[in-house]
N, C-alpha and C. Protein backbone atom coordinates (compact mmCIF):
# COMPACT_ATOMS: atom_id res chain seq x y z
N MET A 1 -26.73 5.45 6.48
CA MET A 1 -26.50 4.54 5.68
C MET A 1 -24.73 4.82 5.17
N ARG A 2 -24.47 3.36 5.06
CA ARG A 2 -22.83 3.43 4.75
C ARG A 2 -22.40 2.73 4.08
N ARG A 3 -21.31 2.57 3.15
CA ARG A 3 -20.83 1.41 2.41
C ARG A 3 -20.66 0.63 3.16
N THR A 4 -20.43 -0.54 2.70
CA THR A 4 -19.85 -1.62 3.66
C THR A 4 -19.03 -2.71 2.46
N ARG A 5 -18.74 -3.44 2.81
CA ARG A 5 -17.68 -4.75 2.02
C ARG A 5 -18.94 -5.79 1.44
N PRO A 6 -18.08 -5.99 0.46
CA PRO A 6 -19.02 -6.46 -0.80
C PRO A 6 -18.93 -8.35 0.14
N GLN A 7 -20.04 -8.84 0.43
CA GLN A 7 -20.32 -10.34 0.37
C GLN A 7 -20.87 -11.43 -0.39
N ALA A 8 -21.09 -11.31 -1.68
CA ALA A 8 -21.72 -11.87 -2.15
C ALA A 8 -20.67 -11.59 -3.82
N PRO A 9 -20.57 -12.34 -4.53
CA PRO A 9 -19.90 -12.14 -5.91
C PRO A 9 -20.27 -11.11 -6.98
N GLY A 10 -21.52 -11.19 -6.92
CA GLY A 10 -22.40 -9.87 -7.57
C GLY A 10 -22.27 -8.83 -6.95
N GLU A 11 -21.92 -8.46 -6.06
CA GLU A 11 -21.77 -7.64 -5.18
C GLU A 11 -20.12 -6.94 -5.95
N TYR A 12 -19.05 -8.38 -6.13
CA TYR A 12 -17.87 -7.68 -6.51
C TYR A 12 -17.85 -7.35 -7.94
N LEU A 13 -18.56 -7.79 -8.47
CA LEU A 13 -19.37 -7.96 -10.02
C LEU A 13 -19.47 -6.50 -10.27
N LEU A 14 -20.40 -5.78 -9.39
CA LEU A 14 -21.49 -4.66 -9.51
C LEU A 14 -20.35 -3.34 -9.40
N ARG A 15 -19.14 -3.70 -8.55
CA ARG A 15 -18.10 -2.43 -8.32
C ARG A 15 -17.48 -1.99 -9.81
N LEU A 16 -17.49 -3.06 -10.58
CA LEU A 16 -16.94 -2.44 -12.02
C LEU A 16 -17.52 -1.36 -12.77
N VAL A 17 -19.01 -1.27 -12.20
CA VAL A 17 -19.62 -0.08 -12.77
C VAL A 17 -20.21 1.12 -11.43
N HIS A 18 -19.37 1.28 -10.49
CA HIS A 18 -19.64 1.71 -9.71
C HIS A 18 -20.94 1.65 -8.85
N ILE A 19 -21.34 0.15 -8.52
CA ILE A 19 -22.48 0.21 -7.81
C ILE A 19 -21.81 -0.96 -6.43
N TYR A 20 -21.70 -0.05 -5.65
CA TYR A 20 -21.45 -0.57 -4.00
C TYR A 20 -22.65 -1.19 -3.30
N PRO A 21 -22.07 -2.11 -2.17
CA PRO A 21 -22.93 -2.50 -1.02
C PRO A 21 -23.14 -1.46 0.13
N PHE A 22 -24.27 -0.67 0.27
CA PHE A 22 -24.78 0.03 1.28
C PHE A 22 -25.56 -0.87 2.37
N GLN A 23 -25.43 -0.52 4.05
CA GLN A 23 -25.72 -0.94 5.36
C GLN A 23 -26.31 0.34 5.88
N CYS A 24 -27.53 0.24 6.06
CA CYS A 24 -28.44 1.33 7.28
C CYS A 24 -27.71 1.19 8.76
N GLN A 25 -27.32 2.28 9.06
CA GLN A 25 -26.71 2.17 10.46
C GLN A 25 -27.96 2.24 11.59
N VAL A 26 -29.02 1.52 11.29
CA VAL A 26 -30.21 1.54 12.52
C VAL A 26 -30.64 -0.29 12.27
N CYS A 27 -31.10 -0.07 11.19
CA CYS A 27 -31.70 -1.83 11.02
C CYS A 27 -30.84 -2.69 10.13
N SER A 28 -29.84 -2.32 9.77
CA SER A 28 -28.99 -3.20 9.35
C SER A 28 -29.41 -3.58 7.85
N HIS A 29 -29.96 -3.23 7.10
CA HIS A 29 -30.87 -3.70 5.51
C HIS A 29 -29.56 -3.16 5.05
N ARG A 30 -29.20 -4.15 4.22
CA ARG A 30 -28.09 -3.81 2.93
C ARG A 30 -29.19 -3.84 1.49
N PHE A 31 -28.14 -2.60 0.77
CA PHE A 31 -28.85 -2.69 -0.27
C PHE A 31 -27.31 -2.04 -1.07
N THR A 32 -27.77 -2.09 -2.86
CA THR A 32 -26.43 -1.45 -3.38
C THR A 32 -27.08 -0.26 -3.85
N LYS A 33 -26.21 0.78 -4.75
CA LYS A 33 -26.51 1.89 -5.27
C LYS A 33 -25.31 2.48 -5.97
N TYR A 34 -25.66 3.54 -6.64
CA TYR A 34 -24.45 4.04 -7.71
C TYR A 34 -23.56 5.32 -6.67
N GLN A 35 -22.33 5.06 -6.88
CA GLN A 35 -21.19 6.17 -6.10
C GLN A 35 -20.17 6.82 -7.01
N ALA A 36 -20.33 7.50 -7.33
CA ALA A 36 -19.62 8.28 -7.98
C ALA A 36 -18.02 8.63 -7.33
N GLU A 37 -17.41 8.67 -7.96
CA GLU A 37 -15.59 8.61 -7.43
C GLU A 37 -15.09 9.31 -6.18
N GLU A 38 -15.56 10.45 -6.45
CA GLU A 38 -15.07 11.78 -4.99
C GLU A 38 -15.85 11.14 -3.63
N GLN A 39 -17.18 10.62 -4.15
CA GLN A 39 -17.64 9.90 -2.79
C GLN A 39 -17.07 9.10 -2.51
N ARG A 40 -16.71 7.89 -3.35
CA ARG A 40 -15.27 6.56 -2.81
C ARG A 40 -14.83 7.05 -2.45
N ALA A 41 -13.54 8.10 -3.04
CA ALA A 41 -12.87 8.72 -2.05
C ALA A 41 -12.66 9.25 -0.55
N GLN A 42 -13.83 9.72 0.01
CA GLN A 42 -13.73 10.12 1.05
C GLN A 42 -14.38 9.02 2.05
N GLN A 43 -14.86 7.99 2.11
CA GLN A 43 -15.49 6.71 2.51
C GLN A 43 -14.23 6.03 2.50
N ALA A 44 -13.22 5.64 1.68
CA ALA A 44 -12.39 4.64 1.50
C ALA A 44 -11.10 4.47 2.99
N SER A 45 -11.12 5.47 3.49
CA SER A 45 -10.02 5.15 4.59
C SER A 45 -11.05 4.43 5.93
N ASP A 46 -11.90 4.21 5.97
CA ASP A 46 -12.62 4.18 7.11
C ASP A 46 -13.17 2.35 6.89
N ARG A 47 -12.43 1.13 7.81
CA ARG A 47 -13.23 0.27 7.28
C ARG A 47 -14.49 -0.18 7.98
N ARG A 48 -14.78 0.61 9.37
CA ARG A 48 -16.07 0.28 9.64
C ARG A 48 -17.52 0.07 9.19
N SER A 49 -18.27 -0.79 9.40
CA SER A 49 -19.49 -1.10 8.79
C SER A 49 -20.48 0.29 9.04
N TYR A 50 -20.06 0.34 10.79
CA TYR A 50 -21.16 1.54 11.03
C TYR A 50 -20.71 2.53 11.62
N ASP A 51 -21.22 3.91 11.70
CA ASP A 51 -21.12 5.04 12.43
C ASP A 51 -21.00 4.78 13.96
N ARG A 52 -19.98 5.55 14.29
CA ARG A 52 -20.16 5.76 15.93
C ARG A 52 -20.87 6.56 16.52
N VAL A 53 -21.63 6.75 17.39
CA VAL A 53 -21.81 7.99 17.80
C VAL A 53 -21.30 8.02 19.33
N ALA A 54 -20.55 9.21 19.46
CA ALA A 54 -20.29 9.40 20.87
C ALA A 54 -21.10 9.65 21.97
N THR A 55 -20.97 8.79 23.33
CA THR A 55 -21.88 8.82 24.23
C THR A 55 -21.00 8.20 25.25
N ALA A 56 -21.64 7.80 26.71
CA ALA A 56 -21.22 7.99 27.84
C ALA A 56 -22.45 7.03 28.69
N LEU A 57 -22.40 5.95 28.50
CA LEU A 57 -23.78 5.10 29.17
C LEU A 57 -22.81 3.63 29.81
N ARG A 58 -23.46 4.01 30.74
CA ARG A 58 -22.77 3.12 31.93
C ARG A 58 -22.85 1.82 32.02
N VAL A 59 -22.34 0.62 32.09
CA VAL A 59 -22.12 -0.81 31.50
C VAL A 59 -21.96 -1.71 32.75
N THR A 60 -22.70 -2.79 32.52
CA THR A 60 -21.90 -3.82 33.75
C THR A 60 -21.43 -4.85 32.63
N ILE A 61 -20.57 -5.35 33.28
CA ILE A 61 -19.73 -6.58 32.59
C ILE A 61 -20.17 -7.63 33.28
N GLY A 62 -20.03 -8.81 32.52
CA GLY A 62 -20.38 -10.11 32.88
C GLY A 62 -19.99 -11.17 32.51
N GLY A 63 -19.93 -12.39 32.80
CA GLY A 63 -19.19 -13.45 32.08
C GLY A 63 -18.92 -14.35 32.65
N ASN A 64 -18.13 -15.67 32.15
CA ASN A 64 -17.66 -16.70 32.92
C ASN A 64 -17.02 -16.84 34.13
N THR A 65 -15.86 -15.44 33.44
CA THR A 65 -14.49 -15.06 34.87
C THR A 65 -14.72 -13.50 34.95
N ARG A 66 -15.73 -12.54 34.50
CA ARG A 66 -15.34 -11.51 34.65
C ARG A 66 -16.92 -11.11 35.20
N ALA A 67 -16.13 -9.73 35.59
CA ALA A 67 -17.47 -9.13 36.52
C ALA A 67 -16.47 -7.37 36.62
N GLY A 68 -17.63 -6.67 36.43
CA GLY A 68 -17.44 -5.51 36.41
C GLY A 68 -18.21 -4.05 36.24
N GLU A 69 -17.97 -2.93 36.01
CA GLU A 69 -18.66 -1.96 35.70
C GLU A 69 -17.60 -1.01 34.86
N GLY A 70 -18.41 -0.44 33.70
CA GLY A 70 -17.53 0.37 32.76
C GLY A 70 -18.40 1.89 32.35
N VAL A 71 -17.60 2.16 31.03
CA VAL A 71 -18.62 3.05 30.49
C VAL A 71 -18.11 2.71 29.09
N ALA A 72 -19.19 2.64 28.31
CA ALA A 72 -19.35 2.87 27.00
C ALA A 72 -19.12 4.26 25.82
N SER A 73 -18.44 3.85 25.08
CA SER A 73 -18.39 5.29 24.28
C SER A 73 -18.20 5.49 22.74
N ASP A 74 -18.40 6.17 21.99
CA ASP A 74 -18.68 5.87 20.40
C ASP A 74 -19.08 4.06 20.51
N LEU A 75 -20.77 4.39 20.55
CA LEU A 75 -21.36 3.42 19.89
C LEU A 75 -21.97 3.16 19.10
N SER A 76 -22.00 1.85 18.37
CA SER A 76 -22.72 1.52 17.20
C SER A 76 -23.67 0.23 17.52
N MET A 77 -24.37 0.17 16.41
CA MET A 77 -25.18 -1.21 16.16
C MET A 77 -24.27 -2.14 16.75
N ASP A 78 -23.07 -2.40 15.83
CA ASP A 78 -22.46 -3.56 16.27
C ASP A 78 -20.96 -3.40 17.05
N GLY A 79 -20.86 -2.62 18.05
CA GLY A 79 -20.12 -2.49 19.13
C GLY A 79 -20.16 -1.24 19.97
N CYS A 80 -18.70 -1.16 20.41
CA CYS A 80 -18.59 0.22 21.50
C CYS A 80 -17.19 0.55 21.82
N SER A 81 -16.48 1.13 22.22
CA SER A 81 -15.27 1.16 22.96
C SER A 81 -15.94 1.37 24.70
N LEU A 82 -14.76 0.51 24.93
CA LEU A 82 -15.34 0.60 26.87
C LEU A 82 -14.20 0.53 27.63
N ARG A 83 -14.28 1.60 28.48
CA ARG A 83 -13.31 1.91 29.33
C ARG A 83 -13.96 1.01 30.86
N THR A 84 -12.88 0.34 31.54
CA THR A 84 -13.06 -0.41 32.53
C THR A 84 -11.87 -0.46 33.31
N ALA A 85 -11.77 -0.92 34.61
CA ALA A 85 -11.23 -1.35 35.54
C ALA A 85 -10.50 -2.67 35.29
N THR A 86 -11.96 -3.39 34.65
CA THR A 86 -11.41 -4.96 35.01
C THR A 86 -10.31 -5.07 33.79
N THR A 87 -10.11 -6.00 33.71
CA THR A 87 -8.47 -6.79 33.15
C THR A 87 -9.26 -7.60 32.23
N LEU A 88 -9.14 -6.83 30.68
CA LEU A 88 -9.38 -7.73 29.83
C LEU A 88 -8.84 -8.05 28.80
N ALA A 89 -8.73 -9.13 27.74
CA ALA A 89 -7.99 -9.52 27.38
C ALA A 89 -8.28 -9.36 25.88
N VAL A 90 -8.00 -9.66 24.31
CA VAL A 90 -8.18 -9.92 23.10
C VAL A 90 -8.87 -11.27 23.36
N GLY A 91 -10.27 -11.53 22.83
CA GLY A 91 -10.67 -12.82 22.49
C GLY A 91 -11.51 -12.83 23.60
N ASP A 92 -11.42 -12.00 24.97
CA ASP A 92 -12.60 -12.51 25.92
C ASP A 92 -13.61 -12.25 25.49
N GLU A 93 -14.43 -13.06 25.81
CA GLU A 93 -16.35 -12.97 25.88
C GLU A 93 -17.08 -12.63 27.15
N LEU A 94 -17.91 -11.77 26.71
CA LEU A 94 -18.42 -11.30 27.83
C LEU A 94 -19.88 -11.14 27.89
N LYS A 95 -20.63 -10.85 29.30
CA LYS A 95 -22.26 -10.17 29.21
C LYS A 95 -22.26 -8.90 29.23
N LEU A 96 -22.78 -8.20 28.44
CA LEU A 96 -22.89 -6.64 29.23
C LEU A 96 -24.24 -6.65 28.92
N SER A 97 -24.40 -5.42 29.93
CA SER A 97 -25.34 -4.89 30.27
C SER A 97 -25.21 -3.23 30.32
N LEU A 98 -25.86 -2.50 29.20
CA LEU A 98 -25.91 -1.12 29.03
C LEU A 98 -27.05 -0.71 29.48
N HIS A 99 -26.76 0.79 30.44
CA HIS A 99 -27.80 1.25 31.11
C HIS A 99 -27.64 2.78 30.45
N PRO A 100 -28.90 2.96 29.54
CA PRO A 100 -29.00 4.14 28.92
C PRO A 100 -29.79 4.87 29.54
N GLU A 101 -29.67 6.37 29.88
CA GLU A 101 -30.04 7.36 30.94
C GLU A 101 -31.75 7.02 30.62
N GLY A 102 -32.18 7.39 31.98
CA GLY A 102 -33.76 6.97 31.75
C GLY A 102 -34.77 6.18 31.14
N ASP A 103 -33.81 4.97 31.14
CA ASP A 103 -34.54 3.76 30.86
C ASP A 103 -34.25 2.83 32.04
N ALA A 104 -35.29 2.37 32.72
CA ALA A 104 -35.53 1.43 33.37
C ALA A 104 -34.81 -0.20 33.55
N GLU A 105 -34.77 -0.24 32.20
CA GLU A 105 -34.39 -1.56 32.14
C GLU A 105 -32.86 -1.74 31.05
N PRO A 106 -32.06 -2.91 31.32
CA PRO A 106 -30.85 -2.34 30.74
C PRO A 106 -30.57 -2.89 29.35
N ILE A 107 -30.50 -2.79 28.36
CA ILE A 107 -30.15 -3.30 27.21
C ILE A 107 -28.91 -4.35 27.46
N VAL A 108 -29.12 -5.77 27.13
CA VAL A 108 -28.63 -6.69 27.76
C VAL A 108 -27.93 -7.45 26.15
N ILE A 109 -26.61 -7.76 26.42
CA ILE A 109 -26.11 -8.19 25.17
C ILE A 109 -25.62 -9.52 25.66
N GLU A 110 -25.86 -10.50 25.46
CA GLU A 110 -25.73 -11.89 25.51
C GLU A 110 -23.96 -12.37 25.41
N ARG A 111 -23.79 -11.92 24.26
CA ARG A 111 -22.34 -12.18 23.89
C ARG A 111 -21.53 -11.31 23.38
N ALA A 112 -20.67 -10.91 23.67
CA ALA A 112 -19.73 -9.68 23.29
C ALA A 112 -18.24 -10.18 23.21
N VAL A 113 -17.35 -9.76 22.28
CA VAL A 113 -16.02 -10.19 22.45
C VAL A 113 -15.15 -9.12 22.05
N ILE A 114 -13.85 -8.96 22.85
CA ILE A 114 -12.87 -7.55 23.13
C ILE A 114 -12.26 -7.85 21.65
N ARG A 115 -12.15 -7.23 20.69
CA ARG A 115 -11.60 -7.08 19.42
C ARG A 115 -9.78 -6.56 19.46
N SER A 116 -10.22 -5.48 20.31
CA SER A 116 -8.65 -4.70 20.53
C SER A 116 -8.44 -3.62 22.12
N ILE A 117 -7.14 -3.91 22.37
CA ILE A 117 -7.31 -3.27 23.81
C ILE A 117 -5.74 -2.01 23.83
N LYS A 118 -6.37 -1.36 23.81
CA LYS A 118 -5.41 0.33 24.08
C LYS A 118 -5.48 0.45 25.52
N PRO A 119 -4.19 1.42 26.08
CA PRO A 119 -4.34 1.74 27.34
C PRO A 119 -5.22 1.70 27.94
N SER A 120 -6.35 2.77 27.71
CA SER A 120 -7.29 3.24 28.51
C SER A 120 -8.48 3.27 28.03
N MET A 121 -8.26 1.67 27.07
CA MET A 121 -10.25 1.74 26.11
C MET A 121 -9.94 0.00 25.41
N SER A 122 -11.05 -0.61 25.67
CA SER A 122 -10.74 -1.64 24.79
C SER A 122 -12.38 -1.70 23.67
N GLY A 123 -11.76 -2.28 22.51
CA GLY A 123 -12.70 -2.30 21.51
C GLY A 123 -13.57 -3.65 21.64
N VAL A 124 -14.87 -3.11 21.43
CA VAL A 124 -15.50 -4.46 21.97
C VAL A 124 -16.71 -4.71 20.82
N GLN A 125 -16.53 -6.04 20.41
CA GLN A 125 -17.84 -6.32 18.76
C GLN A 125 -19.39 -6.89 19.75
N PHE A 126 -20.12 -6.03 19.50
CA PHE A 126 -21.48 -7.29 19.93
C PHE A 126 -21.86 -8.29 18.86
N LEU A 127 -22.06 -9.74 19.86
CA LEU A 127 -22.52 -10.92 19.08
C LEU A 127 -23.85 -11.36 19.03
N GLN A 128 -24.41 -11.37 20.20
CA GLN A 128 -25.53 -11.61 20.23
C GLN A 128 -26.50 -10.79 21.34
N PHE A 129 -27.58 -10.47 20.93
CA PHE A 129 -28.54 -9.64 22.10
C PHE A 129 -29.38 -10.88 22.26
N ALA A 130 -29.58 -10.11 23.74
CA ALA A 130 -30.99 -10.93 24.09
C ALA A 130 -32.47 -10.60 23.76
N VAL A 131 -33.31 -10.85 23.86
CA VAL A 131 -34.49 -10.56 23.02
C VAL A 131 -34.79 -9.29 23.54
N GLY A 132 -35.31 -8.13 22.09
CA GLY A 132 -35.53 -7.12 22.60
C GLY A 132 -34.40 -6.27 22.55
N GLY A 133 -33.00 -6.95 22.84
CA GLY A 133 -31.97 -5.53 22.90
C GLY A 133 -32.00 -4.77 21.39
N ARG A 134 -31.85 -5.89 20.45
CA ARG A 134 -30.94 -5.27 19.45
C ARG A 134 -32.05 -4.07 18.84
N GLU A 135 -33.45 -4.39 19.16
CA GLU A 135 -34.33 -3.25 18.47
C GLU A 135 -34.10 -2.06 19.83
N ARG A 136 -34.35 -2.24 20.61
CA ARG A 136 -34.09 -1.12 21.75
C ARG A 136 -33.18 -0.37 21.55
N LEU A 137 -31.82 -1.10 21.24
CA LEU A 137 -30.43 -0.34 20.85
C LEU A 137 -30.51 0.74 19.40
N SER A 138 -31.14 0.09 18.59
CA SER A 138 -31.54 0.81 17.23
C SER A 138 -32.02 1.70 17.62
N ARG A 139 -33.22 1.92 18.77
CA ARG A 139 -34.01 3.10 18.89
C ARG A 139 -32.80 4.24 19.66
N ILE A 140 -32.15 3.97 20.40
CA ILE A 140 -30.87 4.65 21.10
C ILE A 140 -30.26 5.24 19.98
N VAL A 141 -29.52 4.29 19.21
CA VAL A 141 -28.90 5.18 17.95
C VAL A 141 -29.32 5.99 17.25
N ARG A 142 -30.30 5.75 16.64
CA ARG A 142 -31.45 6.37 16.03
C ARG A 142 -31.62 7.89 16.45
N LYS A 143 -31.57 7.75 17.58
CA LYS A 143 -31.94 9.31 18.27
C LYS A 143 -30.38 10.14 18.41
N MET A 144 -29.70 9.64 18.89
CA MET A 144 -28.05 9.97 18.92
C MET A 144 -27.61 10.45 18.07
N LEU A 145 -27.95 9.54 16.36
CA LEU A 145 -27.49 9.85 15.32
C LEU A 145 -28.37 11.05 14.86
N GLY A 146 -29.52 10.94 14.77
CA GLY A 146 -30.00 12.35 14.90
C GLY A 146 -29.92 13.72 15.69
N ASN A 147 -29.75 13.37 16.73
CA ASN A 147 -29.22 14.33 17.49
C ASN A 147 -27.53 14.88 17.12
N GLN A 148 -26.84 14.23 17.23
CA GLN A 148 -25.87 14.45 15.97
C GLN A 148 -25.68 15.33 14.98
N ARG A 149 -26.55 14.77 14.37
CA ARG A 149 -26.18 15.29 12.82
C ARG A 149 -26.85 16.76 12.62
N ALA A 150 -28.14 17.01 13.63
CA ALA A 150 -28.83 18.26 13.90
C ALA A 150 -27.85 19.32 14.79
N SER A 151 -26.78 18.88 15.39
CA SER A 151 -26.31 19.89 16.05
C SER A 151 -24.74 19.76 15.05
N ALA A 152 -24.67 19.07 13.74
CA ALA A 152 -23.46 19.39 13.23
C ALA A 152 -23.37 20.35 12.27
């Protein structure tokens, strides 16, 4: 569960009484709840809607003019960081296949967009999944979040 940005006018009004919108990290369900002052201060610095999970998944890159391979790290339900030798630019749309360890079939993201470029990494946002892809990614992220919290 993570606090997220208000979307509806009512969510903006509820902030006056310290009730904020939240979103489940795995299923993306939105809801509102009261949040005390000290809790709000801890989360104010990070604008992401989803927690990121440290990982290293093999990725196949496809698209209109792109092809290659890479490694996805900092995975969430909304995107990942991508290390690749393939030349990418902000705004490029790609088709990605994530290859989780132990899974025979890749998780296919039909549409992803490059949101940021850094010297060794690109920020990727997932826009559209192939049938069943979002659910499979949800199971993997849920498992990784559980392992991450158990080891902390």
